[in-house]
């Protein structure tokens, strides 16, 4: 699975993936503390964002983290479930999640967004791709050779949950991108933590 996903995502990145990476690179200054949720094998997103930044990548897969450590120098990598991850309040300048949150049970999204809000310093960035359809949880058979779990809310509900977590949404765009069997659509969110005290977890 890890090798097939790397070939699919890194070796032939879609226009949407390239735009997302360029946007993240432009919005996240050098010398900042960045957390990537669902970093996979680290290519190409993590490797680009790690340049000049203090980046920590998190993934549930031991094999993906092993590959990320081999592929990306100068970053920290953790094997962890993002829904159980703990970080100090106001310790991060940016949290990014590229194509990973749609694999988290949607009932856990609101709590995760709330924790992300506490991790961010005032003005900190949250950049993520979310689902656009109402899917309480389904398994897609033979997705890159494995059964893959997906779960997400509609674009409208996802945006509302991000806002209810206390983040200010600056952009919310639904973008279609080609996959093997059909065009997938994602809600790309750019949001920031407001100025002022950081809420306690």
N, C-alpha and C. Protein backbone atom coordinates (compact mmCIF):
# COMPACT_ATOMS: atom_id res chain seq x y z
N UNK A 1 0.82 -1.20 0.00
CA UNK A 1 0.00 0.00 0.00
C UNK A 1 0.86 1.26 0.00
N UNK A 2 1.88 1.32 0.87
CA UNK A 2 2.71 2.52 0.98
C UNK A 2 3.39 2.83 -0.34
N UNK A 3 3.91 1.80 -1.02
CA UNK A 3 4.61 2.01 -2.28
C UNK A 3 3.65 2.45 -3.38
N UNK A 4 2.46 1.85 -3.44
CA UNK A 4 1.49 2.22 -4.46
C UNK A 4 0.97 3.64 -4.23
N UNK A 5 0.75 4.00 -2.97
CA UNK A 5 0.28 5.35 -2.68
C UNK A 5 1.33 6.39 -3.06
N UNK A 6 2.59 6.09 -2.76
CA UNK A 6 3.66 7.02 -3.11
C UNK A 6 3.72 7.23 -4.62
N UNK A 7 3.62 6.15 -5.38
CA UNK A 7 3.64 6.27 -6.83
C UNK A 7 2.46 7.08 -7.34
N UNK A 8 1.30 6.88 -6.72
CA UNK A 8 0.09 7.58 -7.15
C UNK A 8 0.12 9.06 -6.79
N UNK A 9 0.57 9.40 -5.60
CA UNK A 9 0.46 10.77 -5.10
C UNK A 9 1.67 11.63 -5.41
N UNK A 10 2.85 11.05 -5.35
CA UNK A 10 4.06 11.85 -5.46
C UNK A 10 4.62 11.90 -6.88
N UNK A 11 4.55 10.80 -7.59
CA UNK A 11 5.20 10.75 -8.88
C UNK A 11 4.38 11.42 -9.98
N UNK A 12 3.06 11.51 -9.79
CA UNK A 12 2.20 12.18 -10.77
C UNK A 12 1.20 13.07 -10.04
N UNK A 13 1.69 14.13 -9.39
CA UNK A 13 0.79 14.97 -8.60
C UNK A 13 -0.22 15.70 -9.49
N UNK A 14 -1.45 15.80 -9.02
CA UNK A 14 -2.48 16.51 -9.76
C UNK A 14 -2.26 18.01 -9.66
N UNK A 15 -2.96 18.75 -10.53
CA UNK A 15 -2.87 20.20 -10.48
C UNK A 15 -3.30 20.72 -9.11
N UNK A 16 -4.33 20.09 -8.53
CA UNK A 16 -4.82 20.52 -7.22
C UNK A 16 -3.76 20.31 -6.14
N UNK A 17 -3.05 19.20 -6.19
CA UNK A 17 -1.99 18.95 -5.22
C UNK A 17 -0.86 19.96 -5.37
N UNK A 18 -0.52 20.26 -6.60
CA UNK A 18 0.54 21.25 -6.83
C UNK A 18 0.12 22.61 -6.31
N UNK A 19 -1.13 23.00 -6.58
CA UNK A 19 -1.63 24.29 -6.08
C UNK A 19 -1.63 24.33 -4.56
N UNK A 20 -2.05 23.24 -3.93
CA UNK A 20 -2.08 23.19 -2.47
C UNK A 20 -0.69 23.35 -1.89
N UNK A 21 0.28 22.69 -2.48
CA UNK A 21 1.65 22.78 -2.00
C UNK A 21 2.20 24.19 -2.19
N UNK A 22 1.93 24.78 -3.34
CA UNK A 22 2.40 26.15 -3.59
C UNK A 22 1.74 27.13 -2.63
N UNK A 23 0.46 26.92 -2.34
CA UNK A 23 -0.24 27.79 -1.40
C UNK A 23 0.35 27.67 -0.01
N UNK A 24 0.57 26.45 0.44
CA UNK A 24 1.16 26.24 1.77
C UNK A 24 2.54 26.87 1.84
N UNK A 25 3.33 26.68 0.80
CA UNK A 25 4.68 27.23 0.78
C UNK A 25 4.66 28.75 0.85
N UNK A 26 3.66 29.36 0.20
CA UNK A 26 3.57 30.81 0.20
C UNK A 26 3.05 31.37 1.52
N UNK A 27 2.14 30.64 2.17
CA UNK A 27 1.49 31.16 3.37
C UNK A 27 2.24 30.87 4.67
N UNK A 28 3.13 29.89 4.64
CA UNK A 28 3.83 29.51 5.87
C UNK A 28 5.26 30.03 5.80
N UNK A 29 5.62 31.02 6.60
CA UNK A 29 6.96 31.61 6.51
C UNK A 29 8.06 30.64 6.94
N UNK A 30 9.26 30.95 6.54
CA UNK A 30 10.42 30.19 6.99
C UNK A 30 10.61 30.40 8.49
N UNK A 31 11.21 29.41 9.14
CA UNK A 31 11.51 29.53 10.56
C UNK A 31 10.34 29.29 11.48
N UNK A 32 9.24 28.75 10.95
CA UNK A 32 8.04 28.54 11.76
C UNK A 32 7.88 27.08 12.13
N UNK A 33 7.00 26.84 13.10
CA UNK A 33 6.70 25.50 13.60
C UNK A 33 5.45 24.97 12.91
N UNK A 34 5.60 23.85 12.20
CA UNK A 34 4.53 23.32 11.36
C UNK A 34 4.26 21.87 11.73
N UNK A 35 2.98 21.51 11.78
CA UNK A 35 2.55 20.14 12.02
C UNK A 35 1.78 19.66 10.80
N UNK A 36 2.17 18.51 10.26
CA UNK A 36 1.41 17.91 9.16
C UNK A 36 0.72 16.65 9.66
N UNK A 37 -0.59 16.62 9.54
CA UNK A 37 -1.39 15.48 9.96
C UNK A 37 -1.61 14.55 8.78
N UNK A 38 -1.11 13.33 8.89
CA UNK A 38 -1.21 12.38 7.78
C UNK A 38 -0.16 12.64 6.74
N UNK A 39 1.11 12.61 7.14
CA UNK A 39 2.20 12.99 6.24
C UNK A 39 2.55 11.91 5.23
N UNK A 40 2.11 10.67 5.46
CA UNK A 40 2.46 9.60 4.55
C UNK A 40 3.97 9.41 4.47
N UNK A 41 4.46 9.13 3.28
CA UNK A 41 5.89 8.89 3.07
C UNK A 41 6.69 10.16 2.90
N UNK A 42 6.02 11.32 3.02
CA UNK A 42 6.75 12.58 3.02
C UNK A 42 6.99 13.22 1.67
N UNK A 43 6.48 12.63 0.60
CA UNK A 43 6.70 13.18 -0.73
C UNK A 43 5.37 13.42 -1.45
N UNK A 44 5.24 14.57 -2.10
CA UNK A 44 6.20 15.67 -2.16
C UNK A 44 5.94 16.75 -1.12
N UNK A 45 4.77 16.69 -0.45
CA UNK A 45 4.33 17.79 0.41
C UNK A 45 5.30 18.05 1.56
N UNK A 46 5.56 17.03 2.35
CA UNK A 46 6.36 17.19 3.56
C UNK A 46 7.76 17.68 3.23
N UNK A 47 8.36 17.09 2.20
CA UNK A 47 9.73 17.46 1.85
C UNK A 47 9.83 18.94 1.50
N UNK A 48 8.84 19.45 0.79
CA UNK A 48 8.85 20.87 0.41
C UNK A 48 8.65 21.75 1.64
N UNK A 49 7.70 21.41 2.49
CA UNK A 49 7.40 22.25 3.64
C UNK A 49 8.49 22.20 4.70
N UNK A 50 9.28 21.14 4.71
CA UNK A 50 10.34 21.01 5.71
C UNK A 50 11.52 21.93 5.44
N UNK A 51 11.61 22.45 4.23
CA UNK A 51 12.74 23.31 3.89
C UNK A 51 12.60 24.64 4.63
N UNK A 52 13.52 24.90 5.54
CA UNK A 52 13.54 26.17 6.27
C UNK A 52 12.52 26.29 7.37
N UNK A 53 11.81 25.20 7.67
CA UNK A 53 10.80 25.24 8.73
C UNK A 53 11.03 24.09 9.71
N UNK A 54 10.51 24.23 10.91
CA UNK A 54 10.57 23.16 11.91
C UNK A 54 9.30 22.33 11.77
N UNK A 55 9.39 21.25 11.03
CA UNK A 55 8.20 20.48 10.68
C UNK A 55 8.15 19.16 11.43
N UNK A 56 6.96 18.84 11.93
CA UNK A 56 6.68 17.54 12.52
C UNK A 56 5.60 16.87 11.69
N UNK A 57 5.88 15.67 11.22
CA UNK A 57 4.90 14.90 10.46
C UNK A 57 4.36 13.76 11.28
N UNK A 58 3.05 13.55 11.19
CA UNK A 58 2.37 12.50 11.96
C UNK A 58 1.63 11.58 11.00
N UNK A 59 1.76 10.29 11.21
CA UNK A 59 0.99 9.33 10.42
C UNK A 59 0.74 8.10 11.27
N UNK A 60 -0.39 7.44 11.00
CA UNK A 60 -0.76 6.25 11.75
C UNK A 60 0.05 5.03 11.31
N UNK A 61 0.60 5.08 10.11
CA UNK A 61 1.28 3.93 9.53
C UNK A 61 2.76 3.90 9.89
N UNK A 62 3.20 2.82 10.50
CA UNK A 62 4.62 2.65 10.82
C UNK A 62 5.46 2.65 9.55
N UNK A 63 4.97 1.99 8.51
CA UNK A 63 5.72 1.91 7.26
C UNK A 63 5.83 3.27 6.59
N UNK A 64 4.76 4.04 6.60
CA UNK A 64 4.82 5.37 5.99
C UNK A 64 5.81 6.27 6.73
N UNK A 65 5.81 6.21 8.04
CA UNK A 65 6.76 7.02 8.80
C UNK A 65 8.19 6.56 8.55
N UNK A 66 8.41 5.26 8.43
CA UNK A 66 9.75 4.77 8.10
C UNK A 66 10.21 5.37 6.78
N UNK A 67 9.33 5.39 5.80
CA UNK A 67 9.67 5.96 4.50
C UNK A 67 9.88 7.47 4.59
N UNK A 68 9.04 8.15 5.37
CA UNK A 68 9.18 9.60 5.51
C UNK A 68 10.54 9.96 6.11
N UNK A 69 10.96 9.21 7.11
CA UNK A 69 12.27 9.48 7.72
C UNK A 69 13.41 9.29 6.72
N UNK A 70 13.24 8.34 5.80
CA UNK A 70 14.26 8.12 4.78
C UNK A 70 14.19 9.18 3.68
N UNK A 71 13.00 9.68 3.40
CA UNK A 71 12.81 10.61 2.28
C UNK A 71 13.05 12.07 2.64
N UNK A 72 12.86 12.43 3.90
CA UNK A 72 12.89 13.84 4.29
C UNK A 72 13.87 14.03 5.44
N UNK A 73 14.86 14.87 5.22
CA UNK A 73 15.82 15.18 6.28
C UNK A 73 15.41 16.46 6.99
N UNK A 74 15.82 16.58 8.23
CA UNK A 74 15.59 17.80 8.98
C UNK A 74 14.20 17.96 9.54
N UNK A 75 13.38 16.91 9.51
CA UNK A 75 12.03 16.96 10.08
C UNK A 75 11.89 15.90 11.16
N UNK A 76 10.88 16.06 11.98
CA UNK A 76 10.57 15.09 13.04
C UNK A 76 9.33 14.31 12.62
N UNK A 77 9.35 13.01 12.83
CA UNK A 77 8.21 12.18 12.44
C UNK A 77 7.74 11.32 13.60
N UNK A 78 6.41 11.23 13.73
CA UNK A 78 5.80 10.48 14.82
C UNK A 78 4.78 9.50 14.27
N UNK A 79 4.80 8.28 14.79
CA UNK A 79 3.71 7.33 14.53
C UNK A 79 2.63 7.60 15.57
N UNK A 80 1.49 8.10 15.12
CA UNK A 80 0.44 8.48 16.07
C UNK A 80 -0.89 8.59 15.35
N UNK A 81 -1.96 8.42 16.12
CA UNK A 81 -3.32 8.66 15.67
C UNK A 81 -3.60 10.15 15.87
N UNK A 82 -3.89 10.86 14.79
CA UNK A 82 -4.07 12.30 14.91
C UNK A 82 -5.21 12.68 15.85
N UNK A 83 -6.19 11.79 16.01
CA UNK A 83 -7.32 12.10 16.89
C UNK A 83 -6.94 11.99 18.36
N UNK A 84 -5.79 11.39 18.65
CA UNK A 84 -5.33 11.25 20.03
C UNK A 84 -4.07 12.07 20.30
N UNK A 85 -3.61 12.79 19.31
CA UNK A 85 -2.38 13.55 19.42
C UNK A 85 -2.52 14.69 20.41
N UNK A 86 -1.48 14.93 21.18
CA UNK A 86 -1.45 16.05 22.12
C UNK A 86 -0.27 16.95 21.79
N UNK A 87 -0.54 18.25 21.76
CA UNK A 87 0.50 19.25 21.56
C UNK A 87 0.28 20.37 22.56
N UNK A 88 1.33 21.08 22.96
CA UNK A 88 1.15 22.20 23.88
C UNK A 88 0.31 23.31 23.26
N UNK A 89 -0.47 24.01 24.05
CA UNK A 89 -1.24 25.14 23.52
C UNK A 89 -0.31 26.20 22.92
N UNK A 90 -0.77 26.81 21.84
CA UNK A 90 -0.06 27.92 21.19
C UNK A 90 1.39 27.56 20.87
N UNK A 91 1.61 26.35 20.37
CA UNK A 91 2.97 25.90 20.07
C UNK A 91 3.27 25.81 18.57
N UNK A 92 2.26 26.08 17.73
CA UNK A 92 2.42 25.89 16.29
C UNK A 92 2.02 27.13 15.51
N UNK A 93 2.73 27.34 14.41
CA UNK A 93 2.38 28.43 13.50
C UNK A 93 1.48 27.96 12.36
N UNK A 94 1.47 26.66 12.11
CA UNK A 94 0.62 26.13 11.04
C UNK A 94 0.35 24.66 11.27
N UNK A 95 -0.86 24.24 10.91
CA UNK A 95 -1.24 22.83 10.87
C UNK A 95 -1.80 22.57 9.48
N UNK A 96 -1.25 21.57 8.80
CA UNK A 96 -1.72 21.23 7.47
C UNK A 96 -2.15 19.77 7.44
N UNK A 97 -3.15 19.49 6.61
CA UNK A 97 -3.65 18.12 6.47
C UNK A 97 -4.08 17.93 5.02
N UNK A 98 -3.24 17.28 4.24
CA UNK A 98 -3.50 17.06 2.82
C UNK A 98 -4.08 15.66 2.62
N UNK A 99 -5.36 15.57 2.29
CA UNK A 99 -6.01 14.31 1.93
C UNK A 99 -6.01 13.28 3.06
N UNK A 100 -5.92 13.71 4.29
CA UNK A 100 -5.89 12.76 5.41
C UNK A 100 -7.15 12.79 6.26
N UNK A 101 -7.79 13.94 6.39
CA UNK A 101 -8.94 14.05 7.29
C UNK A 101 -10.15 13.28 6.79
N UNK A 102 -10.21 12.99 5.51
CA UNK A 102 -11.34 12.22 4.99
C UNK A 102 -11.26 10.75 5.39
N UNK A 103 -10.16 10.34 6.01
CA UNK A 103 -10.03 8.97 6.51
C UNK A 103 -10.27 8.88 8.02
N UNK A 104 -10.64 10.00 8.62
CA UNK A 104 -10.94 10.06 10.05
C UNK A 104 -12.46 10.03 10.22
N UNK A 105 -12.99 9.20 11.12
CA UNK A 105 -14.45 9.20 11.34
C UNK A 105 -14.96 10.63 11.56
N UNK A 106 -15.99 10.99 10.82
CA UNK A 106 -16.42 12.38 10.84
C UNK A 106 -16.92 12.84 12.20
N UNK A 107 -17.37 11.94 13.04
CA UNK A 107 -17.81 12.32 14.38
C UNK A 107 -16.66 12.82 15.24
N UNK A 108 -15.43 12.60 14.78
CA UNK A 108 -14.26 13.08 15.52
C UNK A 108 -13.70 14.38 14.94
N UNK A 109 -14.28 14.88 13.86
CA UNK A 109 -13.74 16.07 13.21
C UNK A 109 -13.85 17.30 14.10
N UNK A 110 -14.99 17.52 14.71
CA UNK A 110 -15.19 18.74 15.50
C UNK A 110 -14.19 18.82 16.64
N UNK A 111 -13.99 17.71 17.35
CA UNK A 111 -13.04 17.70 18.46
C UNK A 111 -11.61 17.93 17.96
N UNK A 112 -11.28 17.36 16.81
CA UNK A 112 -9.95 17.55 16.25
C UNK A 112 -9.73 19.00 15.85
N UNK A 113 -10.72 19.62 15.22
CA UNK A 113 -10.60 21.03 14.85
C UNK A 113 -10.42 21.90 16.10
N UNK A 114 -11.13 21.58 17.16
CA UNK A 114 -11.01 22.35 18.39
C UNK A 114 -9.61 22.23 18.98
N UNK A 115 -9.02 21.03 18.91
CA UNK A 115 -7.66 20.87 19.42
C UNK A 115 -6.66 21.62 18.55
N UNK A 116 -6.87 21.56 17.24
CA UNK A 116 -5.99 22.31 16.34
C UNK A 116 -6.02 23.79 16.68
N UNK A 117 -7.20 24.30 16.98
CA UNK A 117 -7.32 25.72 17.37
C UNK A 117 -6.46 26.02 18.59
N UNK A 118 -6.43 25.13 19.57
CA UNK A 118 -5.62 25.39 20.77
C UNK A 118 -4.13 25.27 20.48
N UNK A 119 -3.76 24.44 19.51
CA UNK A 119 -2.33 24.28 19.20
C UNK A 119 -1.76 25.50 18.49
N UNK A 120 -2.60 26.23 17.77
CA UNK A 120 -2.12 27.33 16.95
C UNK A 120 -1.88 28.60 17.76
N UNK A 121 -0.81 29.27 17.42
CA UNK A 121 -0.56 30.59 17.97
C UNK A 121 -1.52 31.59 17.31
N UNK A 122 -1.74 32.75 17.91
CA UNK A 122 -2.59 33.75 17.27
C UNK A 122 -2.11 34.04 15.84
N UNK A 123 -3.04 34.00 14.90
CA UNK A 123 -2.70 34.19 13.50
C UNK A 123 -2.21 32.94 12.80
N UNK A 124 -2.12 31.83 13.54
CA UNK A 124 -1.63 30.58 12.97
C UNK A 124 -2.56 30.04 11.90
N UNK A 125 -1.99 29.29 10.97
CA UNK A 125 -2.69 28.83 9.77
C UNK A 125 -3.18 27.39 9.91
N UNK A 126 -4.39 27.14 9.43
CA UNK A 126 -4.91 25.78 9.25
C UNK A 126 -5.25 25.62 7.79
N UNK A 127 -4.56 24.72 7.11
CA UNK A 127 -4.78 24.46 5.69
C UNK A 127 -5.08 22.98 5.53
N UNK A 128 -6.25 22.66 4.97
CA UNK A 128 -6.65 21.25 4.92
C UNK A 128 -7.61 21.00 3.76
N UNK A 129 -7.63 19.75 3.33
CA UNK A 129 -8.64 19.28 2.38
C UNK A 129 -9.65 18.43 3.13
N UNK A 130 -10.93 18.69 2.86
CA UNK A 130 -12.02 17.98 3.51
C UNK A 130 -12.97 17.44 2.45
N UNK A 131 -13.86 16.56 2.86
CA UNK A 131 -14.83 16.02 1.93
C UNK A 131 -15.93 17.02 1.60
N UNK A 132 -16.70 16.70 0.57
CA UNK A 132 -17.78 17.60 0.15
C UNK A 132 -19.14 16.93 0.15
N UNK A 133 -19.18 15.62 0.38
CA UNK A 133 -20.44 14.88 0.39
C UNK A 133 -20.72 14.34 1.78
N UNK A 134 -21.99 14.06 2.04
CA UNK A 134 -22.40 13.50 3.33
C UNK A 134 -22.12 11.99 3.33
N UNK A 135 -21.10 11.58 4.06
CA UNK A 135 -20.68 10.18 4.10
C UNK A 135 -20.38 9.79 5.55
N UNK A 136 -21.30 9.09 6.21
CA UNK A 136 -21.09 8.73 7.62
C UNK A 136 -19.97 7.73 7.82
N UNK A 137 -19.52 7.09 6.75
CA UNK A 137 -18.44 6.13 6.87
C UNK A 137 -18.62 4.98 5.91
N UNK A 138 -17.76 4.89 4.91
CA UNK A 138 -17.82 3.80 3.94
C UNK A 138 -16.42 3.26 3.70
N UNK A 139 -16.36 2.04 3.21
CA UNK A 139 -15.09 1.42 2.86
C UNK A 139 -15.06 1.21 1.35
N UNK A 140 -14.06 1.80 0.70
CA UNK A 140 -13.89 1.60 -0.73
C UNK A 140 -12.97 0.41 -0.95
N UNK A 141 -13.49 -0.58 -1.64
CA UNK A 141 -12.73 -1.80 -1.88
C UNK A 141 -11.63 -1.58 -2.92
N UNK A 142 -10.49 -2.16 -2.65
CA UNK A 142 -9.36 -2.15 -3.58
C UNK A 142 -8.96 -0.74 -3.98
N UNK A 143 -8.81 0.13 -2.99
CA UNK A 143 -8.29 1.48 -3.23
C UNK A 143 -6.77 1.40 -3.13
N UNK A 144 -6.10 1.46 -4.27
CA UNK A 144 -4.64 1.26 -4.34
C UNK A 144 -4.24 -0.05 -3.69
N UNK A 145 -5.09 -1.06 -3.88
CA UNK A 145 -4.75 -2.39 -3.43
C UNK A 145 -5.22 -2.76 -2.04
N UNK A 146 -5.85 -1.83 -1.33
CA UNK A 146 -6.35 -2.13 0.01
C UNK A 146 -7.77 -1.60 0.15
N UNK A 147 -8.47 -2.04 1.18
CA UNK A 147 -9.77 -1.48 1.52
C UNK A 147 -9.54 -0.20 2.32
N UNK A 148 -10.09 0.92 1.85
CA UNK A 148 -9.82 2.22 2.46
C UNK A 148 -11.10 2.83 3.02
N UNK A 149 -10.99 3.35 4.24
CA UNK A 149 -12.13 3.95 4.94
C UNK A 149 -12.21 5.44 4.62
N UNK A 150 -13.43 5.91 4.36
CA UNK A 150 -13.68 7.33 4.13
C UNK A 150 -14.87 7.77 4.99
N UNK A 151 -14.80 9.00 5.47
CA UNK A 151 -15.90 9.56 6.26
C UNK A 151 -15.80 11.07 6.26
N UNK A 152 -16.91 11.75 5.97
CA UNK A 152 -16.86 13.21 5.96
C UNK A 152 -18.27 13.78 5.88
N UNK A 153 -18.35 15.06 6.19
CA UNK A 153 -19.60 15.80 6.08
C UNK A 153 -19.65 16.52 4.72
N UNK A 154 -20.76 17.19 4.49
CA UNK A 154 -20.85 18.05 3.31
C UNK A 154 -19.89 19.23 3.47
N UNK A 155 -19.62 19.91 2.36
CA UNK A 155 -18.74 21.07 2.41
C UNK A 155 -19.28 22.13 3.36
N UNK A 156 -20.59 22.35 3.34
CA UNK A 156 -21.20 23.37 4.20
C UNK A 156 -21.00 23.03 5.68
N UNK A 157 -21.24 21.78 6.04
CA UNK A 157 -21.10 21.38 7.44
C UNK A 157 -19.63 21.41 7.86
N UNK A 158 -18.74 20.96 6.99
CA UNK A 158 -17.31 20.97 7.33
C UNK A 158 -16.82 22.39 7.61
N UNK A 159 -17.24 23.33 6.77
CA UNK A 159 -16.83 24.72 7.01
C UNK A 159 -17.39 25.22 8.34
N UNK A 160 -18.64 24.88 8.62
CA UNK A 160 -19.23 25.32 9.88
C UNK A 160 -18.48 24.76 11.08
N UNK A 161 -18.06 23.51 11.01
CA UNK A 161 -17.32 22.91 12.13
C UNK A 161 -15.98 23.60 12.35
N UNK A 162 -15.32 23.97 11.26
CA UNK A 162 -14.06 24.69 11.39
C UNK A 162 -14.30 26.04 12.06
N UNK A 163 -15.35 26.73 11.66
CA UNK A 163 -15.66 28.03 12.26
C UNK A 163 -16.08 27.88 13.72
N UNK A 164 -16.85 26.85 14.03
CA UNK A 164 -17.28 26.64 15.41
C UNK A 164 -16.12 26.29 16.33
N UNK A 165 -15.03 25.80 15.75
CA UNK A 165 -13.83 25.52 16.54
C UNK A 165 -13.09 26.79 16.93
N UNK A 166 -13.52 27.92 16.36
CA UNK A 166 -12.90 29.19 16.69
C UNK A 166 -11.90 29.69 15.67
N UNK A 167 -11.88 29.06 14.50
CA UNK A 167 -10.97 29.47 13.43
C UNK A 167 -11.70 30.37 12.44
N UNK A 168 -10.97 31.31 11.87
CA UNK A 168 -11.54 32.25 10.91
C UNK A 168 -11.24 31.75 9.50
N UNK A 169 -12.26 31.39 8.76
CA UNK A 169 -12.08 30.85 7.41
C UNK A 169 -11.81 32.00 6.43
N UNK A 170 -10.69 31.91 5.74
CA UNK A 170 -10.32 32.92 4.74
C UNK A 170 -10.64 32.46 3.33
N UNK A 171 -10.53 31.17 3.08
CA UNK A 171 -10.88 30.60 1.78
C UNK A 171 -11.55 29.26 2.00
N UNK A 172 -12.51 28.95 1.14
CA UNK A 172 -13.18 27.65 1.18
C UNK A 172 -13.62 27.33 -0.25
N UNK A 173 -12.82 26.54 -0.93
CA UNK A 173 -13.04 26.27 -2.35
C UNK A 173 -13.21 24.78 -2.59
N UNK A 174 -14.24 24.41 -3.35
CA UNK A 174 -14.42 23.02 -3.77
C UNK A 174 -13.72 22.84 -5.10
N UNK A 175 -12.78 21.91 -5.13
CA UNK A 175 -11.96 21.69 -6.33
C UNK A 175 -12.03 20.22 -6.72
N UNK A 176 -12.28 19.97 -7.99
CA UNK A 176 -12.30 18.60 -8.51
C UNK A 176 -10.93 18.25 -9.04
N UNK A 177 -10.55 16.99 -8.85
CA UNK A 177 -9.29 16.51 -9.40
C UNK A 177 -9.45 15.06 -9.84
N UNK A 178 -8.79 14.69 -10.92
CA UNK A 178 -8.98 13.35 -11.47
C UNK A 178 -8.33 12.27 -10.61
N UNK A 179 -9.03 11.17 -10.47
CA UNK A 179 -8.46 9.96 -9.89
C UNK A 179 -8.63 8.84 -10.92
N UNK A 180 -8.27 7.64 -10.55
CA UNK A 180 -8.24 6.55 -11.53
C UNK A 180 -9.60 6.31 -12.18
N UNK A 181 -10.66 6.29 -11.34
CA UNK A 181 -11.96 5.88 -11.85
C UNK A 181 -12.96 7.01 -11.98
N UNK A 182 -12.70 8.14 -11.35
CA UNK A 182 -13.64 9.26 -11.39
C UNK A 182 -12.93 10.50 -10.88
N UNK A 183 -13.60 11.64 -11.03
CA UNK A 183 -13.07 12.89 -10.47
C UNK A 183 -13.49 12.99 -9.02
N UNK A 184 -12.53 13.19 -8.15
CA UNK A 184 -12.81 13.41 -6.73
C UNK A 184 -12.90 14.90 -6.46
N UNK A 185 -13.75 15.28 -5.53
CA UNK A 185 -13.88 16.69 -5.16
C UNK A 185 -13.52 16.86 -3.69
N UNK A 186 -12.80 17.94 -3.40
CA UNK A 186 -12.39 18.23 -2.04
C UNK A 186 -12.69 19.69 -1.72
N UNK A 187 -13.01 19.93 -0.46
CA UNK A 187 -13.13 21.29 0.05
C UNK A 187 -11.78 21.69 0.62
N UNK A 188 -11.18 22.70 0.01
CA UNK A 188 -9.90 23.21 0.51
C UNK A 188 -10.16 24.41 1.41
N UNK A 189 -9.73 24.27 2.64
CA UNK A 189 -9.97 25.29 3.66
C UNK A 189 -8.66 25.98 4.01
N UNK A 190 -8.69 27.30 4.01
CA UNK A 190 -7.61 28.11 4.57
C UNK A 190 -8.22 28.91 5.71
N UNK A 191 -7.76 28.67 6.92
CA UNK A 191 -8.32 29.34 8.09
C UNK A 191 -7.19 29.77 9.02
N UNK A 192 -7.50 30.72 9.89
CA UNK A 192 -6.49 31.21 10.83
C UNK A 192 -7.06 31.31 12.23
N UNK A 193 -6.17 31.14 13.19
CA UNK A 193 -6.53 31.38 14.58
C UNK A 193 -6.62 32.88 14.81
N UNK A 194 -7.63 33.34 15.52
CA UNK A 194 -7.76 34.77 15.75
C UNK A 194 -6.71 35.28 16.73
N UNK A 195 -6.57 36.59 16.77
CA UNK A 195 -5.72 37.20 17.77
C UNK A 195 -6.36 37.04 19.14
N UNK A 196 -5.55 37.15 20.17
CA UNK A 196 -6.10 37.06 21.52
C UNK A 196 -5.70 35.77 22.21
N UNK A 197 -6.19 35.58 23.42
CA UNK A 197 -5.81 34.40 24.20
C UNK A 197 -6.20 33.10 23.51
N UNK A 198 -5.36 32.10 23.68
CA UNK A 198 -5.65 30.78 23.12
C UNK A 198 -6.54 30.02 24.10
N UNK A 199 -7.66 29.46 23.64
CA UNK A 199 -8.53 28.70 24.55
C UNK A 199 -7.81 27.49 25.11
N UNK A 200 -8.10 27.16 26.34
CA UNK A 200 -7.48 26.01 26.98
C UNK A 200 -8.21 24.73 26.57
N UNK A 201 -7.44 23.64 26.35
CA UNK A 201 -8.08 22.39 25.93
C UNK A 201 -8.94 21.80 27.02
